[in-house]
């Protein structure tokens, strides 16, 4: 995402299977949070996943971003161990695409 020629956010989608993609990253610069940048990025990421025939978008969320994804229609399906912080559990979400 760019505003005034400055990159203010990005996302990455990874194909997991024929029917599942994972939101591998979604990041917005703190000064631009709450201004719709993340929502637009997520909308673009879901459109990409749909174009790849995915039925669901897997999201391993930062705990602070969980409510953002829930508001977008994701559901909690479990927890996943953080690969970067020992002992930290992360919300595992699924965003239906059908």
N, C-alpha and C. Protein backbone atom coordinates (compact mmCIF):
# COMPACT_ATOMS: atom_id res chain seq x y z
N UNK A 1 0.86 -1.18 0.00
CA UNK A 1 0.00 0.00 0.00
C UNK A 1 0.89 1.23 0.00
N UNK A 2 0.55 2.15 -0.85
CA UNK A 2 1.31 3.41 -0.93
C UNK A 2 0.39 4.59 -0.72
N UNK A 3 0.88 5.58 -0.01
CA UNK A 3 0.22 6.87 0.15
C UNK A 3 1.27 7.94 -0.04
N UNK A 4 0.99 8.86 -0.92
CA UNK A 4 1.94 9.95 -1.20
C UNK A 4 3.34 9.43 -1.51
N UNK A 5 3.39 8.39 -2.34
CA UNK A 5 4.65 7.76 -2.77
C UNK A 5 5.46 7.11 -1.64
N UNK A 6 4.81 6.83 -0.54
CA UNK A 6 5.46 6.16 0.58
C UNK A 6 4.77 4.82 0.82
N UNK A 7 5.55 3.76 0.94
CA UNK A 7 4.99 2.45 1.27
C UNK A 7 4.56 2.50 2.74
N UNK A 8 3.26 2.22 2.98
CA UNK A 8 2.73 2.29 4.33
C UNK A 8 2.25 0.92 4.83
N UNK A 9 2.27 -0.08 3.95
CA UNK A 9 1.86 -1.41 4.36
C UNK A 9 2.06 -2.42 3.24
N UNK A 10 1.98 -3.69 3.60
CA UNK A 10 2.12 -4.77 2.61
C UNK A 10 1.45 -6.03 3.14
N UNK A 11 1.24 -6.98 2.24
CA UNK A 11 0.77 -8.30 2.65
C UNK A 11 1.46 -9.34 1.79
N UNK A 12 1.42 -10.58 2.26
CA UNK A 12 1.93 -11.73 1.49
C UNK A 12 0.96 -12.88 1.70
N UNK A 13 0.64 -13.58 0.62
CA UNK A 13 -0.23 -14.74 0.66
C UNK A 13 0.56 -15.94 0.16
N UNK A 14 0.43 -17.05 0.89
CA UNK A 14 1.13 -18.28 0.50
C UNK A 14 0.09 -19.36 0.21
N UNK A 15 0.30 -20.11 -0.85
CA UNK A 15 -0.60 -21.22 -1.18
C UNK A 15 -0.24 -22.41 -0.30
N UNK A 16 -1.24 -22.90 0.44
CA UNK A 16 -1.04 -24.07 1.31
C UNK A 16 -1.49 -25.35 0.60
N UNK A 17 -2.62 -25.25 -0.12
CA UNK A 17 -3.16 -26.39 -0.84
C UNK A 17 -4.08 -25.85 -1.93
N UNK A 18 -4.79 -26.75 -2.62
CA UNK A 18 -5.70 -26.31 -3.68
C UNK A 18 -6.85 -25.46 -3.16
N UNK A 19 -7.18 -25.61 -1.87
CA UNK A 19 -8.33 -24.89 -1.31
C UNK A 19 -7.99 -23.98 -0.13
N UNK A 20 -6.70 -23.88 0.19
CA UNK A 20 -6.29 -23.09 1.35
C UNK A 20 -5.08 -22.22 1.04
N UNK A 21 -5.21 -20.95 1.38
CA UNK A 21 -4.07 -20.03 1.34
C UNK A 21 -3.82 -19.53 2.75
N UNK A 22 -2.61 -19.08 3.01
CA UNK A 22 -2.28 -18.49 4.31
C UNK A 22 -1.87 -17.05 4.10
N UNK A 23 -2.40 -16.19 4.98
CA UNK A 23 -1.95 -14.81 5.01
C UNK A 23 -0.61 -14.85 5.74
N UNK A 24 0.46 -14.82 4.98
CA UNK A 24 1.80 -14.99 5.53
C UNK A 24 2.27 -13.73 6.23
N UNK A 25 1.75 -12.58 5.81
CA UNK A 25 2.10 -11.30 6.45
C UNK A 25 1.06 -10.27 6.08
N UNK A 26 0.77 -9.39 7.01
CA UNK A 26 0.00 -8.18 6.74
C UNK A 26 0.51 -7.16 7.74
N UNK A 27 1.11 -6.09 7.21
CA UNK A 27 1.74 -5.09 8.07
C UNK A 27 1.35 -3.70 7.60
N UNK A 28 1.02 -2.85 8.56
CA UNK A 28 0.73 -1.44 8.30
C UNK A 28 1.59 -0.61 9.26
N UNK A 29 2.23 0.43 8.73
CA UNK A 29 2.99 1.32 9.60
C UNK A 29 2.08 1.86 10.69
N UNK A 30 2.57 1.92 11.93
CA UNK A 30 1.73 2.35 13.04
C UNK A 30 0.99 3.68 12.81
N UNK A 31 1.63 4.65 12.18
CA UNK A 31 0.98 5.95 11.95
C UNK A 31 -0.22 5.85 11.03
N UNK A 32 -0.38 4.74 10.30
CA UNK A 32 -1.47 4.58 9.34
C UNK A 32 -2.51 3.56 9.79
N UNK A 33 -2.33 3.00 10.98
CA UNK A 33 -3.31 2.05 11.52
C UNK A 33 -4.59 2.82 11.85
N UNK A 34 -5.71 2.16 11.60
CA UNK A 34 -7.00 2.77 11.87
C UNK A 34 -7.50 3.68 10.77
N UNK A 35 -6.78 3.73 9.64
CA UNK A 35 -7.17 4.60 8.53
C UNK A 35 -7.67 3.81 7.32
N UNK A 36 -7.89 2.52 7.49
CA UNK A 36 -8.43 1.70 6.41
C UNK A 36 -7.40 1.01 5.54
N UNK A 37 -6.12 1.26 5.80
CA UNK A 37 -5.06 0.64 4.99
C UNK A 37 -5.08 -0.87 5.17
N UNK A 38 -5.14 -1.33 6.40
CA UNK A 38 -5.16 -2.77 6.66
C UNK A 38 -6.38 -3.45 6.06
N UNK A 39 -7.53 -2.80 6.14
CA UNK A 39 -8.75 -3.36 5.56
C UNK A 39 -8.63 -3.51 4.05
N UNK A 40 -8.05 -2.52 3.40
CA UNK A 40 -7.86 -2.60 1.95
C UNK A 40 -6.86 -3.69 1.59
N UNK A 41 -5.79 -3.81 2.37
CA UNK A 41 -4.82 -4.87 2.11
C UNK A 41 -5.46 -6.24 2.29
N UNK A 42 -6.25 -6.41 3.35
CA UNK A 42 -6.91 -7.69 3.59
C UNK A 42 -7.91 -7.99 2.48
N UNK A 43 -8.64 -6.99 2.04
CA UNK A 43 -9.59 -7.18 0.93
C UNK A 43 -8.84 -7.63 -0.32
N UNK A 44 -7.69 -7.05 -0.59
CA UNK A 44 -6.89 -7.43 -1.75
C UNK A 44 -6.35 -8.85 -1.58
N UNK A 45 -5.90 -9.18 -0.38
CA UNK A 45 -5.36 -10.52 -0.11
C UNK A 45 -6.43 -11.59 -0.27
N UNK A 46 -7.65 -11.31 0.19
CA UNK A 46 -8.72 -12.29 0.05
C UNK A 46 -9.11 -12.45 -1.42
N UNK A 47 -9.10 -11.36 -2.17
CA UNK A 47 -9.40 -11.44 -3.61
C UNK A 47 -8.35 -12.30 -4.32
N UNK A 48 -7.09 -12.12 -3.95
CA UNK A 48 -6.02 -12.94 -4.53
C UNK A 48 -6.23 -14.40 -4.19
N UNK A 49 -6.52 -14.70 -2.92
CA UNK A 49 -6.73 -16.09 -2.50
C UNK A 49 -7.92 -16.71 -3.24
N UNK A 50 -9.00 -15.95 -3.40
CA UNK A 50 -10.15 -16.45 -4.16
C UNK A 50 -9.76 -16.76 -5.61
N UNK A 51 -8.95 -15.87 -6.19
CA UNK A 51 -8.54 -16.09 -7.59
C UNK A 51 -7.69 -17.35 -7.73
N UNK A 52 -7.11 -17.80 -6.63
CA UNK A 52 -6.33 -19.04 -6.62
C UNK A 52 -7.17 -20.24 -6.22
N UNK A 53 -8.50 -20.04 -6.16
CA UNK A 53 -9.49 -21.08 -5.83
C UNK A 53 -9.49 -21.49 -4.37
N UNK A 54 -8.90 -20.69 -3.50
CA UNK A 54 -8.92 -21.01 -2.07
C UNK A 54 -10.32 -20.81 -1.53
N UNK A 55 -10.70 -21.66 -0.60
CA UNK A 55 -11.99 -21.54 0.08
C UNK A 55 -11.86 -20.92 1.45
N UNK A 56 -10.61 -20.85 1.93
CA UNK A 56 -10.36 -20.30 3.26
C UNK A 56 -8.98 -19.66 3.28
N UNK A 57 -8.85 -18.64 4.10
CA UNK A 57 -7.57 -17.97 4.30
C UNK A 57 -7.14 -18.22 5.75
N UNK A 58 -6.04 -18.94 5.92
CA UNK A 58 -5.49 -19.22 7.24
C UNK A 58 -4.73 -17.99 7.72
N UNK A 59 -4.94 -17.63 8.98
CA UNK A 59 -4.26 -16.46 9.55
C UNK A 59 -3.71 -16.84 10.91
N UNK A 60 -2.39 -16.79 11.07
CA UNK A 60 -1.76 -16.92 12.37
C UNK A 60 -1.52 -15.48 12.81
N UNK A 61 -2.36 -15.04 13.74
CA UNK A 61 -2.44 -13.62 14.07
C UNK A 61 -1.58 -13.23 15.26
N UNK A 62 -1.08 -12.02 15.20
CA UNK A 62 -0.55 -11.40 16.40
C UNK A 62 -1.76 -11.21 17.33
N UNK A 63 -1.62 -11.46 18.62
CA UNK A 63 -2.76 -11.29 19.52
C UNK A 63 -3.38 -9.89 19.45
N UNK A 64 -2.58 -8.88 19.20
CA UNK A 64 -3.10 -7.51 19.12
C UNK A 64 -3.90 -7.25 17.86
N UNK A 65 -3.76 -8.09 16.84
CA UNK A 65 -4.49 -7.92 15.58
C UNK A 65 -5.70 -8.84 15.48
N UNK A 66 -5.88 -9.70 16.46
CA UNK A 66 -6.97 -10.69 16.42
C UNK A 66 -8.33 -10.04 16.17
N UNK A 67 -8.66 -8.98 16.89
CA UNK A 67 -9.96 -8.34 16.74
C UNK A 67 -10.16 -7.76 15.35
N UNK A 68 -9.10 -7.27 14.73
CA UNK A 68 -9.17 -6.76 13.36
C UNK A 68 -9.67 -7.86 12.42
N UNK A 69 -9.09 -9.05 12.55
CA UNK A 69 -9.47 -10.16 11.69
C UNK A 69 -10.87 -10.69 12.02
N UNK A 70 -11.22 -10.72 13.30
CA UNK A 70 -12.56 -11.16 13.68
C UNK A 70 -13.61 -10.22 13.10
N UNK A 71 -13.34 -8.94 13.14
CA UNK A 71 -14.25 -7.94 12.58
C UNK A 71 -14.42 -8.14 11.06
N UNK A 72 -13.39 -8.65 10.42
CA UNK A 72 -13.43 -8.90 8.98
C UNK A 72 -14.13 -10.22 8.64
N UNK A 73 -14.54 -10.99 9.65
CA UNK A 73 -15.26 -12.23 9.40
C UNK A 73 -14.50 -13.51 9.70
N UNK A 74 -13.27 -13.39 10.18
CA UNK A 74 -12.50 -14.58 10.53
C UNK A 74 -13.06 -15.22 11.80
N UNK A 75 -12.80 -16.49 11.96
CA UNK A 75 -13.20 -17.21 13.17
C UNK A 75 -11.97 -17.86 13.80
N UNK A 76 -11.99 -17.98 15.11
CA UNK A 76 -10.89 -18.62 15.83
C UNK A 76 -11.03 -20.13 15.67
N UNK A 77 -9.95 -20.78 15.24
CA UNK A 77 -9.97 -22.23 15.07
C UNK A 77 -8.94 -22.93 15.95
N UNK A 78 -8.16 -22.16 16.70
CA UNK A 78 -7.16 -22.75 17.59
C UNK A 78 -6.06 -21.78 17.93
N UNK A 79 -4.93 -22.35 18.28
CA UNK A 79 -3.73 -21.57 18.60
C UNK A 79 -2.53 -22.24 17.94
N UNK A 80 -1.52 -21.46 17.73
CA UNK A 80 -0.28 -21.99 17.16
C UNK A 80 0.89 -21.42 17.95
N UNK A 81 1.88 -22.24 18.17
CA UNK A 81 3.07 -21.81 18.89
C UNK A 81 3.86 -20.83 18.04
N UNK A 82 4.29 -19.74 18.64
CA UNK A 82 5.11 -18.75 17.94
C UNK A 82 6.46 -19.35 17.59
N UNK A 83 6.90 -19.10 16.37
CA UNK A 83 8.22 -19.60 15.97
C UNK A 83 9.33 -18.63 16.39
N UNK A 84 8.95 -17.43 16.80
CA UNK A 84 9.97 -16.43 17.14
C UNK A 84 10.08 -16.14 18.63
N UNK A 85 9.04 -16.47 19.40
CA UNK A 85 9.07 -16.20 20.84
C UNK A 85 8.69 -17.46 21.61
N UNK A 86 9.64 -18.01 22.31
CA UNK A 86 9.42 -19.24 23.07
C UNK A 86 8.30 -19.05 24.09
N UNK A 87 7.37 -20.01 24.09
CA UNK A 87 6.28 -20.00 25.05
C UNK A 87 5.08 -19.14 24.67
N UNK A 88 5.16 -18.43 23.56
CA UNK A 88 4.06 -17.55 23.14
C UNK A 88 3.12 -18.31 22.22
N UNK A 89 1.83 -18.22 22.50
CA UNK A 89 0.80 -18.83 21.66
C UNK A 89 0.13 -17.72 20.84
N UNK A 90 -0.14 -18.01 19.59
CA UNK A 90 -0.77 -17.05 18.69
C UNK A 90 -2.13 -17.56 18.26
N UNK A 91 -3.11 -16.67 18.13
CA UNK A 91 -4.42 -17.09 17.65
C UNK A 91 -4.33 -17.62 16.22
N UNK A 92 -4.97 -18.76 15.99
CA UNK A 92 -5.07 -19.34 14.66
C UNK A 92 -6.49 -19.10 14.18
N UNK A 93 -6.61 -18.37 13.08
CA UNK A 93 -7.91 -17.96 12.56
C UNK A 93 -8.12 -18.51 11.16
N UNK A 94 -9.37 -18.57 10.75
CA UNK A 94 -9.72 -18.94 9.38
C UNK A 94 -10.74 -17.92 8.89
N UNK A 95 -10.49 -17.40 7.71
CA UNK A 95 -11.40 -16.46 7.08
C UNK A 95 -12.04 -17.18 5.89
N UNK A 96 -13.33 -17.55 6.02
CA UNK A 96 -13.99 -18.24 4.90
C UNK A 96 -14.04 -17.34 3.67
N UNK A 97 -13.82 -17.92 2.50
CA UNK A 97 -13.81 -17.16 1.26
C UNK A 97 -14.96 -17.53 0.34
N UNK A 98 -15.82 -18.44 0.76
CA UNK A 98 -16.93 -18.86 -0.08
C UNK A 98 -18.24 -18.26 0.38
